[in-house]
C-alpha atoms as a PDB file:
ATOM      1  CA  MET A   1      39.109 100.749 -56.685  1.00  0.00           C
ATOM      2  CA  TYR A   2      36.877 103.175 -54.577  1.00  0.00           C
ATOM      3  CA  ASP A   3      36.162 106.450 -55.535  1.00  0.00           C
ATOM      4  CA  HIS A   4      38.909 108.723 -53.809  1.00  0.00           C
ATOM      5  CA  GLN A   5      37.739 111.728 -55.488  1.00  0.00           C
ATOM      6  CA  GLY A   6      34.531 112.424 -53.304  1.00  0.00           C
ATOM      7  CA  SER A   7      35.165 114.190 -50.598  1.00  0.00           C
ATOM      8  CA  PRO A   8      33.447 112.555 -47.245  1.00  0.00           C
ATOM      9  CA  ILE A   9      32.118 114.604 -44.439  1.00  0.00           C
ATOM     10  CA  LEU A  10      34.484 115.167 -41.785  1.00  0.00           C
ATOM     11  CA  ASN A  11      32.306 115.655 -38.645  1.00  0.00           C
ATOM     12  CA  PRO A  12      33.482 115.993 -34.758  1.00  0.00           C
ATOM     13  CA  LEU A  13      32.913 112.342 -34.352  1.00  0.00           C
ATOM     14  CA  TRP A  14      36.484 111.867 -36.192  1.00  0.00           C
ATOM     15  CA  VAL A  15      37.847 114.291 -33.750  1.00  0.00           C
ATOM     16  CA  ILE A  16      36.950 112.517 -30.843  1.00  0.00           C
ATOM     17  CA  ALA A  17      37.520 109.031 -32.140  1.00  0.00           C
ATOM     18  CA  ILE A  18      41.166 109.833 -32.665  1.00  0.00           C
ATOM     19  CA  ILE A  19      41.879 111.601 -29.630  1.00  0.00           C
ATOM     20  CA  LEU A  20      40.126 108.367 -27.878  1.00  0.00           C
ATOM     21  CA  ILE A  21      42.252 106.090 -29.535  1.00  0.00           C
ATOM     22  CA  VAL A  22      45.734 108.390 -28.999  1.00  0.00           C
ATOM     23  CA  ALA A  23      44.797 108.494 -25.439  1.00  0.00           C
ATOM     24  CA  ALA A  24      44.103 104.294 -25.354  1.00  0.00           C
ATOM     25  CA  LEU A  25      47.049 103.919 -27.470  1.00  0.00           C
ATOM     26  CA  TYR A  26      49.422 105.889 -24.851  1.00  0.00           C
ATOM     27  CA  TRP A  27      47.554 104.334 -21.620  1.00  0.00           C
ATOM     28  CA  LEU A  28      48.036 100.860 -22.979  1.00  0.00           C
ATOM     29  CA  ARG A  29      51.710 101.189 -24.222  1.00  0.00           C
ATOM     30  CA  VAL A  30      52.566  98.351 -22.377  1.00  0.00           C
ATOM     31  CA  LEU A  31      50.255  95.836 -24.205  1.00  0.00           C
ATOM     32  CA  ALA A  32      50.005  97.943 -27.479  1.00  0.00           C
ATOM     33  CA  ALA A  33      53.530  98.294 -28.530  1.00  0.00           C
ATOM     34  CA  PRO A  34      54.776  94.598 -28.026  1.00  0.00           C
ATOM     35  CA  MET A  35      51.289  93.493 -29.883  1.00  0.00           C
ATOM     36  CA  ALA A  36      52.203  96.476 -32.745  1.00  0.00           C
ATOM     37  CA  PHE A  37      55.542  95.055 -32.621  1.00  0.00           C
ATOM     38  CA  SER A  38      54.612  91.503 -32.936  1.00  0.00           C
ATOM     39  CA  LEU A  39      52.181  92.026 -36.038  1.00  0.00           C
ATOM     40  CA  PHE A  40      55.011  93.915 -37.342  1.00  0.00           C
ATOM     41  CA  LEU A  41      57.170  90.773 -37.076  1.00  0.00           C
ATOM     42  CA  MET A  42      54.567  88.768 -37.993  1.00  0.00           C
ATOM     43  CA  ALA A  43      54.421  90.736 -41.729  1.00  0.00           C
ATOM     44  CA  LEU A  44      57.900  90.107 -41.818  1.00  0.00           C
ATOM     45  CA  VAL A  45      58.290  86.442 -41.691  1.00  0.00           C
ATOM     46  CA  TRP A  46      54.718  85.283 -43.244  1.00  0.00           C
ATOM     47  CA  PRO A  47      56.622  84.642 -46.385  1.00  0.00           C
ATOM     48  CA  VAL A  48      58.349  81.891 -44.258  1.00  0.00           C
ATOM     49  CA  TYR A  49      55.394  80.883 -42.312  1.00  0.00           C
ATOM     50  CA  GLN A  50      53.467  79.930 -45.417  1.00  0.00           C
ATOM     51  CA  HIS A  51      55.950  78.681 -47.746  1.00  0.00           C
ATOM     52  CA  ARG A  52      54.644  75.742 -49.524  1.00  0.00           C
ATOM     53  CA  ALA A  53      57.116  73.807 -47.962  1.00  0.00           C
ATOM     54  CA  PHE A  54      55.328  73.610 -44.701  1.00  0.00           C
ATOM     55  CA  GLN A  55      52.091  73.415 -45.954  1.00  0.00           C
ATOM     56  CA  GLY A  56      50.477  69.866 -45.414  1.00  0.00           C
ATOM     57  CA  ARG A  57      50.673  68.027 -42.250  1.00  0.00           C
ATOM     58  CA  ARG A  58      50.451  69.328 -38.397  1.00  0.00           C
ATOM     59  CA  ALA A  59      53.995  68.508 -38.081  1.00  0.00           C
ATOM     60  CA  LEU A  60      55.287  71.260 -40.960  1.00  0.00           C
ATOM     61  CA  ARG A  61      53.095  73.742 -39.598  1.00  0.00           C
ATOM     62  CA  GLY A  62      54.902  73.290 -36.471  1.00  0.00           C
ATOM     63  CA  LEU A  63      58.730  73.416 -38.175  1.00  0.00           C
ATOM     64  CA  ALA A  64      56.950  77.017 -39.970  1.00  0.00           C
ATOM     65  CA  LEU A  65      56.624  78.363 -36.614  1.00  0.00           C
ATOM     66  CA  ILE A  66      59.498  77.281 -35.228  1.00  0.00           C
ATOM     67  CA  VAL A  67      61.638  78.352 -37.916  1.00  0.00           C
ATOM     68  CA  SER A  68      60.205  81.917 -38.039  1.00  0.00           C
ATOM     69  CA  VAL A  69      60.434  82.482 -35.019  1.00  0.00           C
ATOM     70  CA  LEU A  70      64.262  81.584 -34.470  1.00  0.00           C
ATOM     71  CA  LEU A  71      64.378  83.827 -37.506  1.00  0.00           C
ATOM     72  CA  VAL A  72      62.912  86.542 -35.421  1.00  0.00           C
ATOM     73  CA  LEU A  73      65.375  85.734 -32.358  1.00  0.00           C
ATOM     74  CA  ILE A  74      68.907  85.275 -34.901  1.00  0.00           C
ATOM     75  CA  ALA A  75      68.024  88.512 -36.428  1.00  0.00           C
ATOM     76  CA  THR A  76      67.189  90.327 -33.099  1.00  0.00           C
ATOM     77  CA  ALA A  77      70.342  88.513 -31.531  1.00  0.00           C
ATOM     78  CA  ALA A  78      72.617  90.002 -34.326  1.00  0.00           C
ATOM     79  CA  VAL A  79      72.326  93.243 -34.152  1.00  0.00           C
ATOM     80  CA  LEU A  80      72.158  93.460 -30.390  1.00  0.00           C
ATOM     81  CA  LEU A  81      75.350  91.331 -30.784  1.00  0.00           C
ATOM     82  CA  LEU A  82      76.683  93.785 -32.777  1.00  0.00           C
ATOM     83  CA  ILE A  83      76.080  96.917 -30.242  1.00  0.00           C
ATOM     84  CA  GLY A  84      77.771  94.620 -27.757  1.00  0.00           C
ATOM     85  CA  TYR A  85      80.998  94.029 -29.985  1.00  0.00           C
ATOM     86  CA  GLY A  86      80.803  97.924 -30.586  1.00  0.00           C
ATOM     87  CA  VAL A  87      80.132  98.685 -27.015  1.00  0.00           C
ATOM     88  CA  ARG A  88      82.916  95.867 -25.511  1.00  0.00           C
ATOM     89  CA  THR A  89      85.290  97.167 -27.789  1.00  0.00           C
ATOM     90  CA  VAL A  90      85.345 100.531 -27.139  1.00  0.00           C
ATOM     91  CA  ALA A  91      85.423  99.815 -23.316  1.00  0.00           C
ATOM     92  CA  ASP A  92      88.618  97.475 -23.859  1.00  0.00           C
ATOM     93  CA  GLY A  93      90.789 100.477 -25.518  1.00  0.00           C
ATOM     94  CA  LEU A  94      89.106 102.535 -23.104  1.00  0.00           C
ATOM     95  CA  SER A  95      91.240 101.069 -20.649  1.00  0.00           C
ATOM     96  CA  LEU A  96      94.527 102.459 -22.828  1.00  0.00           C
ATOM     97  CA  TYR A  97      93.210 105.979 -22.014  1.00  0.00           C
ATOM     98  CA  GLY A  98      92.081 105.418 -18.612  1.00  0.00           C
ATOM     99  CA  ASP A  99      94.313 107.800 -16.544  1.00  0.00           C
ATOM    100  CA  ARG A 100      93.499 110.610 -19.420  1.00  0.00           C
ATOM    101  CA  ALA A 101      89.512 109.976 -19.512  1.00  0.00           C
ATOM    102  CA  GLN A 102      89.651 110.550 -15.372  1.00  0.00           C
ATOM    103  CA  GLU A 103      91.722 113.664 -15.984  1.00  0.00           C
ATOM    104  CA  THR A 104      89.505 115.337 -18.702  1.00  0.00           C
ATOM    105  CA  TYR A 105      86.446 114.308 -16.948  1.00  0.00           C
ATOM    106  CA  ARG A 106      87.388 116.128 -13.644  1.00  0.00           C
ATOM    107  CA  ALA A 107      88.911 119.006 -15.574  1.00  0.00           C
ATOM    108  CA  ILE A 108      85.292 119.428 -17.661  1.00  0.00           C
ATOM    109  CA  GLY A 109      83.153 118.882 -14.302  1.00  0.00           C
ATOM    110  CA  LEU A 110      85.673 121.605 -12.572  1.00  0.00           C
ATOM    111  CA  TRP A 111      85.234 123.918 -15.811  1.00  0.00           C
ATOM    112  CA  LEU A 112      81.198 123.424 -15.484  1.00  0.00           C
ATOM    113  CA  GLU A 113      80.976 123.763 -11.734  1.00  0.00           C
ATOM    114  CA  GLY A 114      83.165 127.500 -12.318  1.00  0.00           C
ATOM    115  CA  ARG A 115      80.233 128.624 -14.138  1.00  0.00           C
ATOM    116  CA  GLY A 116      77.564 127.559 -11.982  1.00  0.00           C
ATOM    117  CA  ILE A 117      76.723 124.378 -13.736  1.00  0.00           C
ATOM    118  CA  GLY A 118      76.587 120.465 -11.995  1.00  0.00           C
ATOM    119  CA  LEU A 119      77.955 117.856 -14.117  1.00  0.00           C
ATOM    120  CA  TRP A 120      75.554 114.918 -12.143  1.00  0.00           C
ATOM    121  CA  PRO A 121      73.792 117.582 -10.292  1.00  0.00           C
ATOM    122  CA  THR A 122      71.087 114.515  -9.523  1.00  0.00           C
ATOM    123  CA  ALA A 123      72.958 111.257  -9.030  1.00  0.00           C
ATOM    124  CA  GLY A 124      75.878 112.600  -7.631  1.00  0.00           C
ATOM    125  CA  ASP A 125      79.640 112.073  -9.096  1.00  0.00           C
ATOM    126  CA  PRO A 126      79.103 108.623 -11.460  1.00  0.00           C
ATOM    127  CA  PHE A 127      82.304 107.681 -10.022  1.00  0.00           C
ATOM    128  CA  SER A 128      81.761 107.622  -6.498  1.00  0.00           C
ATOM    129  CA  LEU A 129      79.582 104.715  -4.818  1.00  0.00           C
ATOM    130  CA  ASN A 130      76.408 106.337  -4.273  1.00  0.00           C
ATOM    131  CA  GLY A 131      76.911 107.100  -8.267  1.00  0.00           C
ATOM    132  CA  LEU A 132      77.489 103.709  -9.632  1.00  0.00           C
ATOM    133  CA  ILE A 133      74.519 102.338  -7.363  1.00  0.00           C
ATOM    134  CA  HIS A 134      72.152 104.651  -9.334  1.00  0.00           C
ATOM    135  CA  LEU A 135      73.955 103.843 -12.644  1.00  0.00           C
ATOM    136  CA  VAL A 136      73.207  99.608 -12.066  1.00  0.00           C
ATOM    137  CA  HIS A 137      69.579 100.367 -10.245  1.00  0.00           C
ATOM    138  CA  GLU A 138      68.735 102.067 -13.599  1.00  0.00           C
ATOM    139  CA  ALA A 139      70.193  99.835 -15.775  1.00  0.00           C
ATOM    140  CA  VAL A 140      68.499  96.613 -14.360  1.00  0.00           C
ATOM    141  CA  LEU A 141      65.729  98.894 -14.539  1.00  0.00           C
ATOM    142  CA  ARG A 142      66.039  99.278 -18.260  1.00  0.00           C
ATOM    143  CA  ILE A 143      67.239  95.457 -18.607  1.00  0.00           C
ATOM    144  CA  ASN A 144      64.007  94.284 -16.960  1.00  0.00           C
ATOM    145  CA  ALA A 145      61.327  96.609 -19.080  1.00  0.00           C
ATOM    146  CA  ILE A 146      63.366  95.434 -22.323  1.00  0.00           C
ATOM    147  CA  MET A 147      62.804  91.807 -21.060  1.00  0.00           C
ATOM    148  CA  GLY A 148      59.504  92.310 -20.459  1.00  0.00           C
ATOM    149  CA  PHE A 149      58.947  94.046 -24.159  1.00  0.00           C
ATOM    150  CA  VAL A 150      60.390  90.968 -25.566  1.00  0.00           C
ATOM    151  CA  ALA A 151      58.800  88.740 -23.709  1.00  0.00           C
ATOM    152  CA  LEU A 152      55.555  89.471 -24.572  1.00  0.00           C
ATOM    153  CA  THR A 153      56.232  90.523 -28.648  1.00  0.00           C
ATOM    154  CA  LEU A 154      57.435  86.798 -28.896  1.00  0.00           C
ATOM    155  CA  ILE A 155      54.240  85.904 -27.142  1.00  0.00           C
ATOM    156  CA  PHE A 156      51.808  87.740 -29.136  1.00  0.00           C
ATOM    157  CA  LEU A 157      54.194  86.731 -32.488  1.00  0.00           C
ATOM    158  CA  ILE A 158      53.375  82.944 -31.604  1.00  0.00           C
ATOM    159  CA  LEU A 159      49.786  83.283 -30.713  1.00  0.00           C
ATOM    160  CA  GLY A 160      49.198  85.826 -34.057  1.00  0.00           C
ATOM    161  CA  LEU A 161      50.999  83.005 -36.437  1.00  0.00           C
ATOM    162  CA  LEU A 162      48.764  80.531 -35.072  1.00  0.00           C
ATOM    163  CA  GLU A 163      45.751  82.650 -35.368  1.00  0.00           C
ATOM    164  CA  ALA A 164      46.012  83.758 -38.298  1.00  0.00           C
ATOM    165  CA  SER A 165      44.070  80.964 -40.465  1.00  0.00           C
ATOM    166  CA  ALA A 166      41.649  81.251 -38.071  1.00  0.00           C
ATOM    167  CA  PHE A 167      41.195  85.016 -37.868  1.00  0.00           C
ATOM    168  CA  GLN A 168      41.322  84.904 -41.484  1.00  0.00           C
ATOM    169  CA  HIS A 169      38.240  82.918 -41.810  1.00  0.00           C
ATOM    170  CA  ARG A 170      36.126  84.512 -38.504  1.00  0.00           C
ATOM    171  CA  LEU A 171      36.899  88.103 -40.442  1.00  0.00           C
ATOM    172  CA  PRO A 172      33.997  87.758 -42.693  1.00  0.00           C
ATOM    173  CA  HIS A 173      31.338  86.551 -39.831  1.00  0.00           C
ATOM    174  CA  ALA A 174      32.385  89.641 -37.388  1.00  0.00           C
ATOM    175  CA  LEU A 175      32.537  92.425 -40.435  1.00  0.00           C
ATOM    176  CA  GLY A 176      31.113  91.182 -43.503  1.00  0.00           C
ATOM    177  CA  THR A 177      32.197  89.694 -46.845  1.00  0.00           C
ATOM    178  CA  ASP A 178      33.049  93.005 -48.247  1.00  0.00           C
ATOM    179  CA  ALA A 179      34.561  94.731 -45.211  1.00  0.00           C
ATOM    180  CA  ALA A 180      36.539  91.634 -45.049  1.00  0.00           C
ATOM    181  CA  ASP A 181      37.870  91.482 -48.374  1.00  0.00           C
ATOM    182  CA  ARG A 182      38.879  94.906 -48.002  1.00  0.00           C
ATOM    183  CA  LEU A 183      41.233  94.562 -45.192  1.00  0.00           C
ATOM    184  CA  LEU A 184      42.577  91.455 -45.943  1.00  0.00           C
ATOM    185  CA  ARG A 185      43.359  92.979 -49.406  1.00  0.00           C
ATOM    186  CA  ALA A 186      45.213  95.656 -47.441  1.00  0.00           C
ATOM    187  CA  PHE A 187      47.124  93.423 -45.117  1.00  0.00           C
ATOM    188  CA  HIS A 188      48.734  91.704 -48.040  1.00  0.00           C
ATOM    189  CA  ILE A 189      49.759  94.646 -49.508  1.00  0.00           C
ATOM    190  CA  LEU A 190      50.480  95.659 -46.130  1.00  0.00           C
ATOM    191  CA  GLY A 191      52.931  92.967 -45.791  1.00  0.00           C
ATOM    192  CA  TRP A 192      54.766  93.554 -48.690  1.00  0.00           C
ATOM    193  CA  LYS A 193      55.477  97.437 -48.236  1.00  0.00           C
ATOM    194  CA  PHE A 194      57.120  96.442 -44.270  1.00  0.00           C
ATOM    195  CA  ARG A 195      59.340  94.175 -45.643  1.00  0.00           C
ATOM    196  CA  ARG A 196      60.247  96.753 -48.298  1.00  0.00           C
ATOM    197  CA  TYR A 197      60.340  98.970 -45.587  1.00  0.00           C
ATOM    198  CA  MET A 198      63.276  96.722 -43.662  1.00  0.00           C
ATOM    199  CA  LEU A 199      65.558  96.704 -47.035  1.00  0.00           C
ATOM    200  CA  VAL A 200      65.538 100.233 -47.436  1.00  0.00           C
ATOM    201  CA  ARG A 201      66.166 100.845 -43.585  1.00  0.00           C
ATOM    202  CA  THR A 202      68.977  97.902 -43.718  1.00  0.00           C
ATOM    203  CA  ALA A 203      70.434 100.099 -46.466  1.00  0.00           C
ATOM    204  CA  VAL A 204      70.208 102.980 -44.998  1.00  0.00           C
ATOM    205  CA  SER A 205      71.774 101.567 -42.254  1.00  0.00           C
ATOM    206  CA  VAL A 206      74.415  99.922 -44.044  1.00  0.00           C
ATOM    207  CA  LEU A 207      75.266 103.066 -45.640  1.00  0.00           C
ATOM    208  CA  THR A 208      75.176 105.047 -42.115  1.00  0.00           C
ATOM    209  CA  GLY A 209      77.868 102.618 -40.753  1.00  0.00           C
ATOM    210  CA  LEU A 210      80.349 102.480 -43.982  1.00  0.00           C
ATOM    211  CA  LEU A 211      80.391 106.345 -44.170  1.00  0.00           C
ATOM    212  CA  THR A 212      80.773 106.608 -40.159  1.00  0.00           C
ATOM    213  CA  TRP A 213      83.816 104.321 -40.535  1.00  0.00           C
ATOM    214  CA  LEU A 214      85.503 105.630 -43.379  1.00  0.00           C
ATOM    215  CA  PHE A 215      85.673 109.028 -41.352  1.00  0.00           C
ATOM    216  CA  ALA A 216      86.413 107.889 -38.094  1.00  0.00           C
ATOM    217  CA  LEU A 217      89.314 106.619 -40.337  1.00  0.00           C
ATOM    218  CA  MET A 218      89.888 109.741 -42.045  1.00  0.00           C
ATOM    219  CA  ALA A 219      89.923 111.915 -38.413  1.00  0.00           C
ATOM    220  CA  GLY A 220      92.359 109.152 -36.980  1.00  0.00           C
ATOM    221  CA  LEU A 221      89.784 108.342 -34.295  1.00  0.00           C
ATOM    222  CA  ASP A 222      90.619 104.860 -33.088  1.00  0.00           C
ATOM    223  CA  PHE A 223      88.347 101.619 -33.275  1.00  0.00           C
ATOM    224  CA  ALA A 224      86.648 102.785 -36.143  1.00  0.00           C
ATOM    225  CA  ILE A 225      85.516  99.913 -37.228  1.00  0.00           C
ATOM    226  CA  ALA A 226      83.951  99.584 -33.577  1.00  0.00           C
ATOM    227  CA  TRP A 227      82.227 103.144 -34.656  1.00  0.00           C
ATOM    228  CA  GLY A 228      80.913 101.973 -37.646  1.00  0.00           C
ATOM    229  CA  ILE A 229      79.479  99.204 -36.540  1.00  0.00           C
ATOM    230  CA  LEU A 230      77.682 100.822 -33.804  1.00  0.00           C
ATOM    231  CA  ALA A 231      76.204 103.611 -36.301  1.00  0.00           C
ATOM    232  CA  PHE A 232      74.611 100.323 -38.319  1.00  0.00           C
ATOM    233  CA  ALA A 233      73.235  98.811 -35.678  1.00  0.00           C
ATOM    234  CA  LEU A 234      71.813 101.606 -34.074  1.00  0.00           C
ATOM    235  CA  ASN A 235      70.322 103.754 -37.125  1.00  0.00           C
ATOM    236  CA  TYR A 236      66.963 100.781 -37.047  1.00  0.00           C
ATOM    237  CA  ILE A 237      65.737 102.936 -34.053  1.00  0.00           C
ATOM    238  CA  PRO A 238      65.125 106.405 -36.010  1.00  0.00           C
ATOM    239  CA  PHE A 239      66.514 109.898 -34.481  1.00  0.00           C
ATOM    240  CA  VAL A 240      67.410 108.314 -30.970  1.00  0.00           C
ATOM    241  CA  GLY A 241      69.561 106.206 -32.600  1.00  0.00           C
ATOM    242  CA  SER A 242      71.384 108.622 -34.337  1.00  0.00           C
ATOM    243  CA  ILE A 243      72.005 110.426 -31.408  1.00  0.00           C
ATOM    244  CA  LEU A 244      73.515 107.432 -29.258  1.00  0.00           C
ATOM    245  CA  ALA A 245      75.254 107.199 -32.379  1.00  0.00           C
ATOM    246  CA  VAL A 246      77.346 110.583 -32.386  1.00  0.00           C
ATOM    247  CA  PHE A 247      78.021 111.405 -28.723  1.00  0.00           C
ATOM    248  CA  PRO A 248      80.130 108.257 -27.896  1.00  0.00           C
ATOM    249  CA  PRO A 249      82.628 108.900 -30.377  1.00  0.00           C
ATOM    250  CA  VAL A 250      83.086 112.465 -29.757  1.00  0.00           C
ATOM    251  CA  LEU A 251      83.313 111.891 -26.349  1.00  0.00           C
ATOM    252  CA  PHE A 252      86.197 109.156 -26.905  1.00  0.00           C
ATOM    253  CA  SER A 253      87.665 112.085 -29.231  1.00  0.00           C
ATOM    254  CA  ILE A 254      88.123 114.269 -26.151  1.00  0.00           C
ATOM    255  CA  VAL A 255      89.819 111.535 -24.249  1.00  0.00           C
ATOM    256  CA  GLN A 256      92.073 110.388 -27.360  1.00  0.00           C
ATOM    257  CA  PHE A 257      92.942 113.762 -28.618  1.00  0.00           C
ATOM    258  CA  GLU A 258      94.669 116.735 -26.831  1.00  0.00           C
ATOM    259  CA  SER A 259      93.755 119.571 -28.979  1.00  0.00           C
ATOM    260  CA  TRP A 260      90.132 120.683 -29.224  1.00  0.00           C
ATOM    261  CA  GLN A 261      90.435 121.114 -32.866  1.00  0.00           C
ATOM    262  CA  THR A 262      89.594 117.487 -33.212  1.00  0.00           C
ATOM    263  CA  PRO A 263      86.930 116.589 -31.436  1.00  0.00           C
ATOM    264  CA  ALA A 264      85.408 119.371 -32.897  1.00  0.00           C
ATOM    265  CA  LEU A 265      85.873 117.860 -36.047  1.00  0.00           C
ATOM    266  CA  VAL A 266      84.509 114.805 -35.148  1.00  0.00           C
ATOM    267  CA  LEU A 267      81.468 116.242 -33.680  1.00  0.00           C
ATOM    268  CA  LEU A 268      80.874 118.006 -36.899  1.00  0.00           C
ATOM    269  CA  GLY A 269      81.496 115.226 -39.365  1.00  0.00           C
ATOM    270  CA  MET A 270      79.607 112.465 -37.454  1.00  0.00           C
ATOM    271  CA  THR A 271      76.486 115.540 -36.860  1.00  0.00           C
ATOM    272  CA  LEU A 272      76.478 115.478 -40.658  1.00  0.00           C
ATOM    273  CA  ILE A 273      76.271 112.040 -41.345  1.00  0.00           C
ATOM    274  CA  GLN A 274      73.671 111.311 -39.444  1.00  0.00           C
ATOM    275  CA  PHE A 275      71.607 114.580 -39.904  1.00  0.00           C
ATOM    276  CA  SER A 276      72.143 113.945 -43.962  1.00  0.00           C
ATOM    277  CA  ILE A 277      70.999 110.399 -43.605  1.00  0.00           C
ATOM    278  CA  GLY A 278      68.211 110.353 -40.985  1.00  0.00           C
ATOM    279  CA  ASN A 279      66.709 113.787 -41.961  1.00  0.00           C
ATOM    280  CA  LEU A 280      67.078 113.934 -45.785  1.00  0.00           C
ATOM    281  CA  LEU A 281      68.296 110.806 -47.582  1.00  0.00           C
ATOM    282  CA  ASP A 282      66.108 108.310 -45.533  1.00  0.00           C
ATOM    283  CA  PRO A 283      62.814 109.978 -45.217  1.00  0.00           C
ATOM    284  CA  ARG A 284      63.038 110.652 -49.146  1.00  0.00           C
ATOM    285  CA  LEU A 285      63.630 106.937 -49.931  1.00  0.00           C
ATOM    286  CA  GLU A 286      61.506 105.705 -47.190  1.00  0.00           C
ATOM    287  CA  GLY A 287      58.756 107.985 -49.176  1.00  0.00           C
ATOM    288  CA  ARG A 288      59.321 107.040 -52.229  1.00  0.00           C
ATOM    289  CA  ALA A 289      59.284 103.451 -51.641  1.00  0.00           C
ATOM    290  CA  LEU A 290      56.312 103.782 -49.509  1.00  0.00           C
ATOM    291  CA  ALA A 291      54.167 105.859 -51.190  1.00  0.00           C
ATOM    292  CA  VAL A 292      54.545 108.107 -47.930  1.00  0.00           C
ATOM    293  CA  SER A 293      55.647 111.955 -47.808  1.00  0.00           C
ATOM    294  CA  PRO A 294      58.783 112.510 -45.913  1.00  0.00           C
ATOM    295  CA  PHE A 295      57.185 114.995 -43.989  1.00  0.00           C
ATOM    296  CA  ALA A 296      54.552 112.094 -42.817  1.00  0.00           C
ATOM    297  CA  VAL A 297      57.782 109.961 -42.037  1.00  0.00           C
ATOM    298  CA  VAL A 298      59.499 112.453 -39.838  1.00  0.00           C
ATOM    299  CA  PHE A 299      56.585 113.289 -37.936  1.00  0.00           C
ATOM    300  CA  SER A 300      55.522 109.762 -37.446  1.00  0.00           C
ATOM    301  CA  ILE A 301      58.762 109.136 -35.681  1.00  0.00           C
ATOM    302  CA  PHE A 302      58.287 112.243 -33.161  1.00  0.00           C
ATOM    303  CA  PHE A 303      54.613 111.283 -32.620  1.00  0.00           C
ATOM    304  CA  TRP A 304      54.906 107.773 -31.916  1.00  0.00           C
ATOM    305  CA  GLY A 305      58.488 107.843 -30.176  1.00  0.00           C
ATOM    306  CA  MET A 306      56.750 110.621 -27.369  1.00  0.00           C
ATOM    307  CA  LEU A 307      53.302 107.602 -27.191  1.00  0.00           C
ATOM    308  CA  TRP A 308      55.823 104.985 -26.661  1.00  0.00           C
ATOM    309  CA  GLY A 309      59.238 106.077 -26.458  1.00  0.00           C
ATOM    310  CA  ILE A 310      62.340 103.904 -28.313  1.00  0.00           C
ATOM    311  CA  PRO A 311      59.517 101.023 -29.642  1.00  0.00           C
ATOM    312  CA  GLY A 312      57.474 103.989 -31.251  1.00  0.00           C
ATOM    313  CA  ALA A 313      60.640 105.719 -32.717  1.00  0.00           C
ATOM    314  CA  PHE A 314      61.089 102.670 -34.052  1.00  0.00           C
ATOM    315  CA  MET A 315      57.565 101.586 -35.184  1.00  0.00           C
ATOM    316  CA  GLY A 316      56.381 105.012 -36.305  1.00  0.00           C
ATOM    317  CA  VAL A 317      56.682 104.540 -39.903  1.00  0.00           C
ATOM    318  CA  PRO A 318      55.459 101.265 -40.147  1.00  0.00           C
ATOM    319  CA  LEU A 319      51.824 102.535 -38.281  1.00  0.00           C
ATOM    320  CA  THR A 320      51.497 105.464 -40.517  1.00  0.00           C
ATOM    321  CA  ILE A 321      51.917 102.667 -43.622  1.00  0.00           C
ATOM    322  CA  ALA A 322      49.712 100.452 -41.746  1.00  0.00           C
ATOM    323  CA  ILE A 323      47.143 103.622 -41.338  1.00  0.00           C
ATOM    324  CA  ALA A 324      47.489 105.004 -45.175  1.00  0.00           C
ATOM    325  CA  THR A 325      47.090 101.051 -46.246  1.00  0.00           C
ATOM    326  CA  VAL A 326      44.138 100.452 -44.211  1.00  0.00           C
ATOM    327  CA  CYS A 327      42.382 103.556 -44.878  1.00  0.00           C
ATOM    328  CA  ASN A 328      42.891 103.859 -48.492  1.00  0.00           C
ATOM    329  CA  HIS A 329      40.836 100.624 -48.688  1.00  0.00           C
ATOM    330  CA  PHE A 330      37.437 102.536 -46.963  1.00  0.00           C
ATOM    331  CA  HIS A 331      36.220 105.174 -48.468  1.00  0.00           C
ATOM    332  CA  ASP A 332      35.039 107.352 -45.353  1.00  0.00           C
ATOM    333  CA  ALA A 333      38.520 107.133 -44.013  1.00  0.00           C
ATOM    334  CA  CYS A 334      40.612 107.564 -47.379  1.00  0.00           C
ATOM    335  CA  TRP A 335      40.970 111.215 -46.953  1.00  0.00           C
ATOM    336  CA  ILE A 336      43.367 109.920 -44.045  1.00  0.00           C
ATOM    337  CA  THR A 337      45.642 108.416 -46.935  1.00  0.00           C
ATOM    338  CA  ARG A 338      45.286 111.396 -49.063  1.00  0.00           C
ATOM    339  CA  LEU A 339      47.205 113.292 -45.923  1.00  0.00           C
ATOM    340  CA  LEU A 340      49.886 111.193 -45.742  1.00  0.00           C
ATOM    341  CA  THR A 341      50.588 110.737 -49.221  1.00  0.00           C
ATOM    342  CA  PRO A 342      52.397 112.685 -51.747  1.00  0.00           C
ATOM    343  CA  GLN A 343      50.226 113.820 -54.694  1.00  0.00           C
ATOM    344  CA  SER A 344      52.177 112.201 -56.737  1.00  0.00           C
ATOM    345  CA  LYS A 345      52.077 109.163 -55.803  1.00  0.00           C
ATOM    346  CA  GLN A 346      47.807 108.849 -55.184  1.00  0.00           C
ATOM    347  CA  GLU A 347      47.450 106.830 -58.590  1.00  0.00           C
ATOM    348  CA  ASN A 348      49.926 104.323 -57.010  1.00  0.00           C
ATOM    349  CA  VAL A 349      48.159 104.304 -54.030  1.00  0.00           C
ATOM    350  CA  LYS A 350      45.007 104.037 -55.954  1.00  0.00           C
ATOM    351  CA  ASN A 351      46.254 100.608 -57.704  1.00  0.00           C
ATOM    352  CA  ASP A 352      47.293  99.064 -54.616  1.00  0.00           C
ATOM    353  CA  GLN A 353      43.896  98.316 -53.934  1.00  0.00           C
END
């Protein structure tokens, strides 16, 4: 156990170092974000990769690598397929309301234009040829960016798993035995916290999906199961996923129902579900399970989302957990852990060492 009661001297070098690190993470986000994501995935699959069934011959180590990567691909594909199923179900259902959707869109556009607000001021009418070309172009750019991110993440994941054992042996020569031991203990604790974080995140996502499905059923909204599936899958993306999960059912309700009261009710109900879970329940559960303050959970989502976009929003809490855990093992940096950890949890944080 390290002395957490002493107050390390905070000099301007800390401030300068933090500013430079944040700037470097922003400018190198094309490489830094996939690398951070691969390390997170590596911690999740580490128990599988190190399972005793794969110990021994080189062929078994290769099999462990294949199984670990396949688990990541299967989990990612499952989430994407759920999102695709929900989008496809809603898209097919919109054909039943095609004429009414066009009429509603035109009515909203005319109402906004009458008040001096253009519905599509930059891209033009999305149903026009130019609007469709613009949307296709943007979609292609997004898909290319996603594919590049996934490819880099998988490359870093494979290389990280292959180099993990050698890295553990090289660490004492690079940093010294004492610092290496502290880092390895921190990494061990961090892997456990990451896996616990994903369990909490999955439980919260399931709860969000169930509540969304039940509310859509009670409101009489078509394709209730599709809205629930979308809410479940998108909830893995903090904050951004909540917004994406609210607006599609609200817009669909405007097309489905002739009165304005039901869409207003859908907006209120969906927003209440997402706000209650995303801003009240989720930060408390994650903070309680991971010894991180709820404020730090919310702030980390916005901060890392600002640096790296959607990958940063997803990785915000794990990155904050990593910073708090590693800093907790070094006296000169333990003040960072005390800032991120609730007072009631700091004894448990000490015991992690």
